[in-house]
Amino acid sequence: FFFFFFFFFFFFFFFFFFFFFFFFFFFFFFFFFAEELHSLLPLEQNLHELHKYDKTFWGTI
């Protein structure tokens, strides 16, 4: 019984830790560095130049 409880706790903790950190870091990177990533893409240069006075992420949409 103790081994089963330990295995369940480790499984539960591992999956919650993995998913929470993966999604939080992914959305943090996407929302805070989307403008820099858009400026590096050659196909997005025209859209970037059209919104040269709005350097936010929502201005490039």
PDB file of N, CA and C in Angstrom:
ATOM      1  N   PHE A   1       0.833  -1.205   0.000  1.00  0.00           N
ATOM      2  CA  PHE A   1       0.000   0.000   0.000  1.00  0.00           C
ATOM      3  C   PHE A   1       0.867   1.254   0.000  1.00  0.00           C
ATOM      4  N   PHE A   2       1.914   1.253   0.771  1.00  0.00           N
ATOM      5  CA  PHE A   2       2.790   2.426   0.806  1.00  0.00           C
ATOM      6  C   PHE A   2       3.503   2.626  -0.535  1.00  0.00           C
ATOM      7  N   PHE A   3       3.906   1.541  -1.163  1.00  0.00           N
ATOM      8  CA  PHE A   3       4.561   1.644  -2.462  1.00  0.00           C
ATOM      9  C   PHE A   3       3.599   2.176  -3.525  1.00  0.00           C
ATOM     10  N   PHE A   4       2.355   1.728  -3.475  1.00  0.00           N
ATOM     11  CA  PHE A   4       1.356   2.222  -4.418  1.00  0.00           C
ATOM     12  C   PHE A   4       1.088   3.713  -4.210  1.00  0.00           C
ATOM     13  N   PHE A   5       1.001   4.137  -2.964  1.00  0.00           N
ATOM     14  CA  PHE A   5       0.785   5.554  -2.666  1.00  0.00           C
ATOM     15  C   PHE A   5       1.967   6.404  -3.146  1.00  0.00           C
ATOM     16  N   PHE A   6       3.181   5.918  -2.932  1.00  0.00           N
ATOM     17  CA  PHE A   6       4.361   6.651  -3.383  1.00  0.00           C
ATOM     18  C   PHE A   6       4.401   6.748  -4.905  1.00  0.00           C
ATOM     19  N   PHE A   7       4.066   5.667  -5.591  1.00  0.00           N
ATOM     20  CA  PHE A   7       4.055   5.674  -7.055  1.00  0.00           C
ATOM     21  C   PHE A   7       2.996   6.632  -7.594  1.00  0.00           C
ATOM     22  N   PHE A   8       1.804   6.625  -6.991  1.00  0.00           N
ATOM     23  CA  PHE A   8       0.736   7.521  -7.424  1.00  0.00           C
ATOM     24  C   PHE A   8       1.113   8.982  -7.185  1.00  0.00           C
ATOM     25  N   PHE A   9       1.705   9.260  -6.031  1.00  0.00           N
ATOM     26  CA  PHE A   9       2.118  10.628  -5.720  1.00  0.00           C
ATOM     27  C   PHE A   9       3.199  11.109  -6.689  1.00  0.00           C
ATOM     28  N   PHE A  10       4.172  10.257  -6.999  1.00  0.00           N
ATOM     29  CA  PHE A  10       5.230  10.632  -7.926  1.00  0.00           C
ATOM     30  C   PHE A  10       4.679  10.862  -9.331  1.00  0.00           C
ATOM     31  N   PHE A  11       3.780   9.999  -9.773  1.00  0.00           N
ATOM     32  CA  PHE A  11       3.162  10.141 -11.092  1.00  0.00           C
ATOM     33  C   PHE A  11       2.365  11.441 -11.188  1.00  0.00           C
ATOM     34  N   PHE A  12       1.532  11.688 -10.166  1.00  0.00           N
ATOM     35  CA  PHE A  12       0.703  12.894 -10.125  1.00  0.00           C
ATOM     36  C   PHE A  12       1.574  14.150 -10.102  1.00  0.00           C
ATOM     37  N   PHE A  13       2.595  14.176  -9.249  1.00  0.00           N
ATOM     38  CA  PHE A  13       3.468  15.338  -9.122  1.00  0.00           C
ATOM     39  C   PHE A  13       4.256  15.573 -10.409  1.00  0.00           C
ATOM     40  N   PHE A  14       4.729  14.493 -11.036  1.00  0.00           N
ATOM     41  CA  PHE A  14       5.517  14.645 -12.252  1.00  0.00           C
ATOM     42  C   PHE A  14       4.686  15.247 -13.378  1.00  0.00           C
ATOM     43  N   PHE A  15       3.468  14.753 -13.553  1.00  0.00           N
ATOM     44  CA  PHE A  15       2.656  15.265 -14.654  1.00  0.00           C
ATOM     45  C   PHE A  15       2.214  16.693 -14.410  1.00  0.00           C
ATOM     46  N   PHE A  16       1.824  17.028 -13.184  1.00  0.00           N
ATOM     47  CA  PHE A  16       1.426  18.408 -12.910  1.00  0.00           C
ATOM     48  C   PHE A  16       2.615  19.355 -13.029  1.00  0.00           C
ATOM     49  N   PHE A  17       3.771  18.936 -12.530  1.00  0.00           N
ATOM     50  CA  PHE A  17       4.972  19.760 -12.636  1.00  0.00           C
ATOM     51  C   PHE A  17       5.335  19.996 -14.099  1.00  0.00           C
ATOM     52  N   PHE A  18       5.308  18.930 -14.899  1.00  0.00           N
ATOM     53  CA  PHE A  18       5.697  19.044 -16.303  1.00  0.00           C
ATOM     54  C   PHE A  18       4.736  19.940 -17.070  1.00  0.00           C
ATOM     55  N   PHE A  19       3.435  19.714 -16.937  1.00  0.00           N
ATOM     56  CA  PHE A  19       2.472  20.475 -17.728  1.00  0.00           C
ATOM     57  C   PHE A  19       2.412  21.932 -17.286  1.00  0.00           C
ATOM     58  N   PHE A  20       2.422  22.176 -15.975  1.00  0.00           N
ATOM     59  CA  PHE A  20       2.349  23.558 -15.510  1.00  0.00           C
ATOM     60  C   PHE A  20       3.573  24.353 -15.956  1.00  0.00           C
ATOM     61  N   PHE A  21       4.760  23.779 -15.775  1.00  0.00           N
ATOM     62  CA  PHE A  21       5.953  24.522 -16.156  1.00  0.00           C
ATOM     63  C   PHE A  21       6.065  24.654 -17.663  1.00  0.00           C
ATOM     64  N   PHE A  22       5.674  23.633 -18.414  1.00  0.00           N
ATOM     65  CA  PHE A  22       5.756  23.712 -19.873  1.00  0.00           C
ATOM     66  C   PHE A  22       4.849  24.807 -20.411  1.00  0.00           C
ATOM     67  N   PHE A  23       3.581  24.819 -19.981  1.00  0.00           N
ATOM     68  CA  PHE A  23       2.646  25.800 -20.521  1.00  0.00           C
ATOM     69  C   PHE A  23       2.951  27.200 -20.014  1.00  0.00           C
ATOM     70  N   PHE A  24       3.351  27.323 -18.749  1.00  0.00           N
ATOM     71  CA  PHE A  24       3.646  28.652 -18.230  1.00  0.00           C
ATOM     72  C   PHE A  24       4.860  29.264 -18.920  1.00  0.00           C
ATOM     73  N   PHE A  25       5.931  28.475 -19.097  1.00  0.00           N
ATOM     74  CA  PHE A  25       7.099  29.021 -19.772  1.00  0.00           C
ATOM     75  C   PHE A  25       6.836  29.260 -21.250  1.00  0.00           C
ATOM     76  N   PHE A  26       6.008  28.418 -21.875  1.00  0.00           N
ATOM     77  CA  PHE A  26       5.691  28.621 -23.287  1.00  0.00           C
ATOM     78  C   PHE A  26       4.911  29.912 -23.490  1.00  0.00           C
ATOM     79  N   PHE A  27       3.871  30.139 -22.669  1.00  0.00           N
ATOM     80  CA  PHE A  27       3.082  31.354 -22.836  1.00  0.00           C
ATOM     81  C   PHE A  27       3.869  32.594 -22.418  1.00  0.00           C
ATOM     82  N   PHE A  28       4.745  32.459 -21.405  1.00  0.00           N
ATOM     83  CA  PHE A  28       5.596  33.583 -21.025  1.00  0.00           C
ATOM     84  C   PHE A  28       6.517  33.962 -22.180  1.00  0.00           C
ATOM     85  N   PHE A  29       7.163  32.961 -22.796  1.00  0.00           N
ATOM     86  CA  PHE A  29       8.053  33.232 -23.916  1.00  0.00           C
ATOM     87  C   PHE A  29       7.282  33.790 -25.106  1.00  0.00           C
ATOM     88  N   PHE A  30       6.075  33.290 -25.349  1.00  0.00           N
ATOM     89  CA  PHE A  30       5.312  33.739 -26.518  1.00  0.00           C
ATOM     90  C   PHE A  30       4.838  35.176 -26.359  1.00  0.00           C
ATOM     91  N   PHE A  31       4.308  35.531 -25.194  1.00  0.00           N
ATOM     92  CA  PHE A  31       3.721  36.857 -25.028  1.00  0.00           C
ATOM     93  C   PHE A  31       4.761  37.938 -24.769  1.00  0.00           C
ATOM     94  N   PHE A  32       5.952  37.565 -24.288  1.00  0.00           N
ATOM     95  CA  PHE A  32       6.952  38.580 -23.985  1.00  0.00           C
ATOM     96  C   PHE A  32       8.019  38.708 -25.063  1.00  0.00           C
ATOM     97  N   PHE A  33       8.152  37.705 -25.948  1.00  0.00           N
ATOM     98  CA  PHE A  33       9.186  37.752 -26.972  1.00  0.00           C
ATOM     99  C   PHE A  33       8.631  37.554 -28.376  1.00  0.00           C
ATOM    100  N   ALA A  34       7.307  37.744 -28.534  1.00  0.00           N
ATOM    101  CA  ALA A  34       6.709  37.558 -29.853  1.00  0.00           C
ATOM    102  C   ALA A  34       7.145  38.671 -30.802  1.00  0.00           C
ATOM    103  N   GLU A  35       7.313  39.877 -30.285  1.00  0.00           N
ATOM    104  CA  GLU A  35       7.733  40.987 -31.146  1.00  0.00           C
ATOM    105  C   GLU A  35       9.154  40.779 -31.653  1.00  0.00           C
ATOM    106  N   GLU A  36      10.042  40.315 -30.798  1.00  0.00           N
ATOM    107  CA  GLU A  36      11.406  40.047 -31.243  1.00  0.00           C
ATOM    108  C   GLU A  36      11.453  38.883 -32.218  1.00  0.00           C
ATOM    109  N   LEU A  37      10.610  37.878 -32.020  1.00  0.00           N
ATOM    110  CA  LEU A  37      10.575  36.759 -32.959  1.00  0.00           C
ATOM    111  C   LEU A  37       9.961  37.176 -34.290  1.00  0.00           C
ATOM    112  N   HIS A  38       8.967  38.071 -34.246  1.00  0.00           N
ATOM    113  CA  HIS A  38       8.376  38.550 -35.489  1.00  0.00           C
ATOM    114  C   HIS A  38       9.359  39.411 -36.272  1.00  0.00           C
ATOM    115  N   SER A  39      10.197  40.139 -35.575  1.00  0.00           N
ATOM    116  CA  SER A  39      11.143  41.005 -36.276  1.00  0.00           C
ATOM    117  C   SER A  39      12.259  40.202 -36.928  1.00  0.00           C
ATOM    118  N   LEU A  40      12.497  38.969 -36.468  1.00  0.00           N
ATOM    119  CA  LEU A  40      13.553  38.156 -37.059  1.00  0.00           C
ATOM    120  C   LEU A  40      13.097  37.386 -38.288  1.00  0.00           C
ATOM    121  N   LEU A  41      11.789  37.253 -38.475  1.00  0.00           N
ATOM    122  CA  LEU A  41      11.303  36.510 -39.628  1.00  0.00           C
ATOM    123  C   LEU A  41      11.318  37.388 -40.871  1.00  0.00           C
ATOM    124  N   PRO A  42      11.887  36.933 -41.983  1.00  0.00           N
ATOM    125  CA  PRO A  42      11.936  37.782 -43.184  1.00  0.00           C
ATOM    126  C   PRO A  42      10.573  37.996 -43.813  1.00  0.00           C
ATOM    127  N   LEU A  43       9.639  37.055 -43.661  1.00  0.00           N
ATOM    128  CA  LEU A  43       8.314  37.216 -44.247  1.00  0.00           C
ATOM    129  C   LEU A  43       7.434  38.173 -43.459  1.00  0.00           C
ATOM    130  N   GLU A  44       7.846  38.526 -42.238  1.00  0.00           N
ATOM    131  CA  GLU A  44       7.056  39.424 -41.402  1.00  0.00           C
ATOM    132  C   GLU A  44       7.607  40.848 -41.403  1.00  0.00           C
ATOM    133  N   GLN A  45       8.542  41.158 -42.274  1.00  0.00           N
ATOM    134  CA  GLN A  45       9.154  42.488 -42.260  1.00  0.00           C
ATOM    135  C   GLN A  45       8.169  43.558 -42.717  1.00  0.00           C
ATOM    136  N   ASN A  46       7.315  43.238 -43.697  1.00  0.00           N
ATOM    137  CA  ASN A  46       6.348  44.229 -44.156  1.00  0.00           C
ATOM    138  C   ASN A  46       5.327  44.543 -43.071  1.00  0.00           C
ATOM    139  N   LEU A  47       4.846  43.517 -42.384  1.00  0.00           N
ATOM    140  CA  LEU A  47       3.913  43.739 -41.284  1.00  0.00           C
ATOM    141  C   LEU A  47       4.582  44.473 -40.135  1.00  0.00           C
ATOM    142  N   HIS A  48       5.856  44.195 -39.928  1.00  0.00           N
ATOM    143  CA  HIS A  48       6.585  44.898 -38.873  1.00  0.00           C
ATOM    144  C   HIS A  48       6.791  46.368 -39.232  1.00  0.00           C
ATOM    145  N   GLU A  49       7.056  46.672 -40.491  1.00  0.00           N
ATOM    146  CA  GLU A  49       7.256  48.062 -40.897  1.00  0.00           C
ATOM    147  C   GLU A  49       5.949  48.844 -40.903  1.00  0.00           C
ATOM    148  N   LEU A  50       4.828  48.163 -41.162  1.00  0.00           N
ATOM    149  CA  LEU A  50       3.552  48.868 -41.126  1.00  0.00           C
ATOM    150  C   LEU A  50       3.199  49.305 -39.709  1.00  0.00           C
ATOM    151  N   HIS A  51       3.644  48.542 -38.719  1.00  0.00           N
ATOM    152  CA  HIS A  51       3.356  48.863 -37.325  1.00  0.00           C
ATOM    153  C   HIS A  51       4.630  49.317 -36.610  1.00  0.00           C
ATOM    154  N   LYS A  52       5.395  50.159 -37.268  1.00  0.00           N
ATOM    155  CA  LYS A  52       6.668  50.597 -36.678  1.00  0.00           C
ATOM    156  C   LYS A  52       6.447  51.507 -35.470  1.00  0.00           C
ATOM    157  N   TYR A  53       5.288  52.168 -35.403  1.00  0.00           N
ATOM    158  CA  TYR A  53       5.028  53.037 -34.268  1.00  0.00           C
ATOM    159  C   TYR A  53       4.332  52.316 -33.119  1.00  0.00           C
ATOM    160  N   ASP A  54       3.979  51.048 -33.311  1.00  0.00           N
ATOM    161  CA  ASP A  54       3.357  50.260 -32.254  1.00  0.00           C
ATOM    162  C   ASP A  54       4.201  49.016 -32.059  1.00  0.00           C
ATOM    163  N   LYS A  55       5.019  49.023 -31.018  1.00  0.00           N
ATOM    164  CA  LYS A  55       5.979  47.940 -30.798  1.00  0.00           C
ATOM    165  C   LYS A  55       5.446  46.854 -29.867  1.00  0.00           C
ATOM    166  N   THR A  56       4.145  46.838 -29.631  1.00  0.00           N
ATOM    167  CA  THR A  56       3.591  45.822 -28.755  1.00  0.00           C
ATOM    168  C   THR A  56       3.208  44.589 -29.562  1.00  0.00           C
ATOM    169  N   PHE A  57       2.892  43.528 -28.835  1.00  0.00           N
ATOM    170  CA  PHE A  57       2.487  42.296 -29.515  1.00  0.00           C
ATOM    171  C   PHE A  57       1.139  42.462 -30.204  1.00  0.00           C
ATOM    172  N   TRP A  58       0.194  43.187 -29.553  1.00  0.00           N
ATOM    173  CA  TRP A  58      -1.139  43.321 -30.131  1.00  0.00           C
ATOM    174  C   TRP A  58      -1.141  44.288 -31.304  1.00  0.00           C
ATOM    175  N   GLY A  59      -0.113  45.118 -31.431  1.00  0.00           N
ATOM    176  CA  GLY A  59      -0.058  46.004 -32.580  1.00  0.00           C
ATOM    177  C   GLY A  59       0.330  45.305 -33.863  1.00  0.00           C
ATOM    178  N   THR A  60       0.950  44.140 -33.761  1.00  0.00           N
ATOM    179  CA  THR A  60       1.365  43.413 -34.962  1.00  0.00           C
ATOM    180  C   THR A  60       0.273  42.509 -35.512  1.00  0.00           C
ATOM    181  N   ILE A  61      -0.835  42.377 -34.769  1.00  0.00           N
ATOM    182  CA  ILE A  61      -1.928  41.525 -35.255  1.00  0.00           C
ATOM    183  C   ILE A  61      -2.744  42.285 -36.287  1.00  0.00           C
TER     184      ILE A  61
END
